[in-house]
């Protein structure tokens, strides 16, 4: 058994990977026999990731607030507390908060054999962020 005491300050999400203010708390770090990275990610209203993909996929679990998720060629979807989203390995996607609500999710990813957990691309445009007919009632 190994206990890691909470002593690390909350980090800010790098501007290369995020639009808007995003705060990150590390939960689990791959290493010493584990390939899992787990992170609690806190998005302020309108904040979101850039387009990215994971070599072994990603699961996010919404813990509070209202968010949005999207993948290449698909509609933007609303996510709420208790929702789980799995992105397939190498699926180009993004996720973040709604325009008027905070959103926090746990991110679970498995690193590849080289220790990589994500490949980052361009920022999600405002048009891509807003594009969907399925956002009705999002802030209810």
C-alpha atoms as a PDB file:
ATOM      1  CA  UNK A   1       0.000   0.000   0.000  1.00  0.00           C
ATOM      2  CA  UNK A   2       1.178   3.495  -0.825  1.00  0.00           C
ATOM      3  CA  UNK A   3      -0.463   6.680   0.429  1.00  0.00           C
ATOM      4  CA  UNK A   4       0.370   9.952  -1.277  1.00  0.00           C
ATOM      5  CA  UNK A   5      -0.566  12.922   0.872  1.00  0.00           C
ATOM      6  CA  UNK A   6      -2.192  15.853  -0.852  1.00  0.00           C
ATOM      7  CA  UNK A   7       0.426  18.550  -0.965  1.00  0.00           C
ATOM      8  CA  UNK A   8       0.621  19.480  -4.607  1.00  0.00           C
ATOM      9  CA  UNK A   9      -1.003  22.740  -5.627  1.00  0.00           C
ATOM     10  CA  UNK A  10      -3.692  22.830  -8.284  1.00  0.00           C
ATOM     11  CA  UNK A  11      -2.109  23.512 -11.669  1.00  0.00           C
ATOM     12  CA  UNK A  12      -3.369  25.577 -14.558  1.00  0.00           C
ATOM     13  CA  UNK A  13      -4.020  23.951 -17.903  1.00  0.00           C
ATOM     14  CA  UNK A  14      -1.425  25.032 -20.486  1.00  0.00           C
ATOM     15  CA  UNK A  15      -2.699  27.456 -23.133  1.00  0.00           C
ATOM     16  CA  UNK A  16      -1.365  25.146 -25.877  1.00  0.00           C
ATOM     17  CA  UNK A  17      -3.911  22.527 -24.786  1.00  0.00           C
ATOM     18  CA  UNK A  18      -6.843  24.621 -23.519  1.00  0.00           C
ATOM     19  CA  UNK A  19      -8.982  27.627 -24.393  1.00  0.00           C
ATOM     20  CA  UNK A  20     -10.079  29.572 -21.302  1.00  0.00           C
ATOM     21  CA  UNK A  21      -9.230  28.995 -17.651  1.00  0.00           C
ATOM     22  CA  UNK A  22      -8.769  25.335 -16.738  1.00  0.00           C
ATOM     23  CA  UNK A  23      -7.445  23.917 -13.458  1.00  0.00           C
ATOM     24  CA  UNK A  24      -5.904  20.480 -13.059  1.00  0.00           C
ATOM     25  CA  UNK A  25      -5.409  18.229 -10.023  1.00  0.00           C
ATOM     26  CA  UNK A  26      -3.384  15.058 -10.537  1.00  0.00           C
ATOM     27  CA  UNK A  27      -5.064  11.968  -9.039  1.00  0.00           C
ATOM     28  CA  UNK A  28      -2.835   9.141 -10.288  1.00  0.00           C
ATOM     29  CA  UNK A  29       0.390   9.162 -12.299  1.00  0.00           C
ATOM     30  CA  UNK A  30       1.547   6.289 -14.500  1.00  0.00           C
ATOM     31  CA  UNK A  31       4.656   4.571 -13.255  1.00  0.00           C
ATOM     32  CA  UNK A  32       5.851   1.841 -10.904  1.00  0.00           C
ATOM     33  CA  UNK A  33       3.825  -0.844 -12.668  1.00  0.00           C
ATOM     34  CA  UNK A  34       0.746   1.265 -13.476  1.00  0.00           C
ATOM     35  CA  UNK A  35      -0.071   2.708 -16.904  1.00  0.00           C
ATOM     36  CA  UNK A  36      -2.997   4.821 -15.692  1.00  0.00           C
ATOM     37  CA  UNK A  37      -3.082   8.615 -15.464  1.00  0.00           C
ATOM     38  CA  UNK A  38      -6.080  10.084 -13.655  1.00  0.00           C
ATOM     39  CA  UNK A  39      -6.725  13.807 -13.433  1.00  0.00           C
ATOM     40  CA  UNK A  40      -9.519  15.977 -12.077  1.00  0.00           C
ATOM     41  CA  UNK A  41     -10.024  18.797 -14.571  1.00  0.00           C
ATOM     42  CA  UNK A  42     -11.999  21.939 -13.661  1.00  0.00           C
ATOM     43  CA  UNK A  43     -13.273  24.036 -16.593  1.00  0.00           C
ATOM     44  CA  UNK A  44     -14.599  27.574 -16.177  1.00  0.00           C
ATOM     45  CA  UNK A  45     -17.596  28.566 -18.340  1.00  0.00           C
ATOM     46  CA  UNK A  46     -16.667  28.361 -22.027  1.00  0.00           C
ATOM     47  CA  UNK A  47     -13.282  26.726 -21.355  1.00  0.00           C
ATOM     48  CA  UNK A  48     -12.390  23.625 -23.348  1.00  0.00           C
ATOM     49  CA  UNK A  49      -9.581  21.410 -24.534  1.00  0.00           C
ATOM     50  CA  UNK A  50      -7.938  21.677 -27.929  1.00  0.00           C
ATOM     51  CA  UNK A  51      -8.518  18.856 -30.403  1.00  0.00           C
ATOM     52  CA  UNK A  52      -6.584  15.832 -29.189  1.00  0.00           C
ATOM     53  CA  UNK A  53      -6.464  12.039 -29.179  1.00  0.00           C
ATOM     54  CA  UNK A  54      -5.166   9.326 -26.874  1.00  0.00           C
ATOM     55  CA  UNK A  55      -3.234   6.227 -28.010  1.00  0.00           C
ATOM     56  CA  UNK A  56      -5.307   3.961 -25.738  1.00  0.00           C
ATOM     57  CA  UNK A  57      -8.511   5.982 -25.558  1.00  0.00           C
ATOM     58  CA  UNK A  58      -9.874   8.131 -22.743  1.00  0.00           C
ATOM     59  CA  UNK A  59     -12.727   7.918 -20.285  1.00  0.00           C
ATOM     60  CA  UNK A  60     -14.102  11.060 -18.692  1.00  0.00           C
ATOM     61  CA  UNK A  61     -16.549  11.011 -15.776  1.00  0.00           C
ATOM     62  CA  UNK A  62     -18.433  14.244 -15.051  1.00  0.00           C
ATOM     63  CA  UNK A  63     -18.533  15.069 -11.330  1.00  0.00           C
ATOM     64  CA  UNK A  64     -20.189  18.510 -11.416  1.00  0.00           C
ATOM     65  CA  UNK A  65     -21.551  21.190 -13.699  1.00  0.00           C
ATOM     66  CA  UNK A  66     -22.564  21.052 -17.347  1.00  0.00           C
ATOM     67  CA  UNK A  67     -20.190  20.378 -20.210  1.00  0.00           C
ATOM     68  CA  UNK A  68     -19.842  19.711 -23.894  1.00  0.00           C
ATOM     69  CA  UNK A  69     -18.006  17.033 -25.870  1.00  0.00           C
ATOM     70  CA  UNK A  70     -17.323  16.679 -29.551  1.00  0.00           C
ATOM     71  CA  UNK A  71     -15.479  14.441 -32.005  1.00  0.00           C
ATOM     72  CA  UNK A  72     -14.487  14.907 -35.636  1.00  0.00           C
ATOM     73  CA  UNK A  73     -17.513  14.673 -37.860  1.00  0.00           C
ATOM     74  CA  UNK A  74     -19.993  14.388 -34.988  1.00  0.00           C
ATOM     75  CA  UNK A  75     -22.422  16.698 -33.225  1.00  0.00           C
ATOM     76  CA  UNK A  76     -21.523  18.451 -30.008  1.00  0.00           C
ATOM     77  CA  UNK A  77     -23.240  16.759 -27.056  1.00  0.00           C
ATOM     78  CA  UNK A  78     -24.137  18.005 -23.566  1.00  0.00           C
ATOM     79  CA  UNK A  79     -22.751  16.106 -20.555  1.00  0.00           C
ATOM     80  CA  UNK A  80     -23.844  16.297 -16.908  1.00  0.00           C
ATOM     81  CA  UNK A  81     -22.823  14.842 -13.529  1.00  0.00           C
ATOM     82  CA  UNK A  82     -22.684  11.055 -13.604  1.00  0.00           C
ATOM     83  CA  UNK A  83     -22.223  10.900 -17.380  1.00  0.00           C
ATOM     84  CA  UNK A  84     -19.313   8.818 -18.664  1.00  0.00           C
ATOM     85  CA  UNK A  85     -17.793   9.356 -22.089  1.00  0.00           C
ATOM     86  CA  UNK A  86     -15.334   6.966 -23.712  1.00  0.00           C
ATOM     87  CA  UNK A  87     -13.260   8.212 -26.628  1.00  0.00           C
ATOM     88  CA  UNK A  88     -11.845   5.410 -28.763  1.00  0.00           C
ATOM     89  CA  UNK A  89      -8.073   5.087 -29.233  1.00  0.00           C
ATOM     90  CA  UNK A  90      -6.881   7.743 -31.712  1.00  0.00           C
ATOM     91  CA  UNK A  91     -10.366   9.360 -31.875  1.00  0.00           C
ATOM     92  CA  UNK A  92      -9.907  13.110 -32.443  1.00  0.00           C
ATOM     93  CA  UNK A  93     -12.064  14.888 -29.849  1.00  0.00           C
ATOM     94  CA  UNK A  94     -12.452  17.721 -27.336  1.00  0.00           C
ATOM     95  CA  UNK A  95     -14.378  18.428 -24.116  1.00  0.00           C
ATOM     96  CA  UNK A  96     -15.096  21.360 -21.860  1.00  0.00           C
ATOM     97  CA  UNK A  97     -17.658  23.451 -19.968  1.00  0.00           C
ATOM     98  CA  UNK A  98     -20.867  24.930 -21.301  1.00  0.00           C
ATOM     99  CA  UNK A  99     -20.788  28.684 -22.053  1.00  0.00           C
ATOM    100  CA  UNK A 100     -22.514  29.575 -18.761  1.00  0.00           C
ATOM    101  CA  UNK A 101     -21.629  26.759 -16.327  1.00  0.00           C
ATOM    102  CA  UNK A 102     -18.509  25.300 -14.742  1.00  0.00           C
ATOM    103  CA  UNK A 103     -17.757  21.624 -15.381  1.00  0.00           C
ATOM    104  CA  UNK A 104     -15.437  19.192 -13.627  1.00  0.00           C
ATOM    105  CA  UNK A 105     -14.576  15.717 -14.839  1.00  0.00           C
ATOM    106  CA  UNK A 106     -12.181  12.939 -13.990  1.00  0.00           C
ATOM    107  CA  UNK A 107      -9.969  12.014 -16.927  1.00  0.00           C
ATOM    108  CA  UNK A 108      -8.694   8.438 -17.100  1.00  0.00           C
ATOM    109  CA  UNK A 109      -6.091   7.516 -19.704  1.00  0.00           C
ATOM    110  CA  UNK A 110      -3.599   4.701 -20.185  1.00  0.00           C
ATOM    111  CA  UNK A 111      -0.144   5.680 -21.418  1.00  0.00           C
ATOM    112  CA  UNK A 112       1.414   3.862 -24.361  1.00  0.00           C
ATOM    113  CA  UNK A 113       4.708   1.928 -24.292  1.00  0.00           C
ATOM    114  CA  UNK A 114       6.659   5.197 -24.616  1.00  0.00           C
ATOM    115  CA  UNK A 115       4.766   6.868 -21.735  1.00  0.00           C
ATOM    116  CA  UNK A 116       2.652   9.117 -23.994  1.00  0.00           C
ATOM    117  CA  UNK A 117      -0.976   9.726 -23.077  1.00  0.00           C
ATOM    118  CA  UNK A 118      -2.119  12.302 -25.658  1.00  0.00           C
ATOM    119  CA  UNK A 119      -1.364  13.990 -28.950  1.00  0.00           C
ATOM    120  CA  UNK A 120      -2.541  17.600 -29.071  1.00  0.00           C
ATOM    121  CA  UNK A 121      -3.673  19.502 -32.170  1.00  0.00           C
ATOM    122  CA  UNK A 122      -5.328  22.845 -32.978  1.00  0.00           C
ATOM    123  CA  UNK A 123      -7.681  24.746 -30.707  1.00  0.00           C
ATOM    124  CA  UNK A 124     -11.418  24.162 -31.069  1.00  0.00           C
ATOM    125  CA  UNK A 125     -12.870  27.199 -32.829  1.00  0.00           C
ATOM    126  CA  UNK A 126     -15.836  29.110 -31.420  1.00  0.00           C
ATOM    127  CA  UNK A 127     -17.846  27.844 -34.399  1.00  0.00           C
ATOM    128  CA  UNK A 128     -16.957  24.195 -33.656  1.00  0.00           C
ATOM    129  CA  UNK A 129     -17.734  24.746 -29.957  1.00  0.00           C
ATOM    130  CA  UNK A 130     -21.190  26.162 -30.723  1.00  0.00           C
ATOM    131  CA  UNK A 131     -22.105  23.850 -33.627  1.00  0.00           C
ATOM    132  CA  UNK A 132     -25.019  21.628 -32.702  1.00  0.00           C
ATOM    133  CA  UNK A 133     -28.764  21.384 -32.659  1.00  0.00           C
ATOM    134  CA  UNK A 134     -28.664  19.077 -29.611  1.00  0.00           C
ATOM    135  CA  UNK A 135     -27.705  21.773 -27.056  1.00  0.00           C
ATOM    136  CA  UNK A 136     -31.274  22.870 -26.330  1.00  0.00           C
ATOM    137  CA  UNK A 137     -31.929  23.122 -22.592  1.00  0.00           C
ATOM    138  CA  UNK A 138     -28.202  22.791 -21.869  1.00  0.00           C
ATOM    139  CA  UNK A 139     -28.170  25.173 -18.932  1.00  0.00           C
ATOM    140  CA  UNK A 140     -31.310  23.842 -17.270  1.00  0.00           C
END
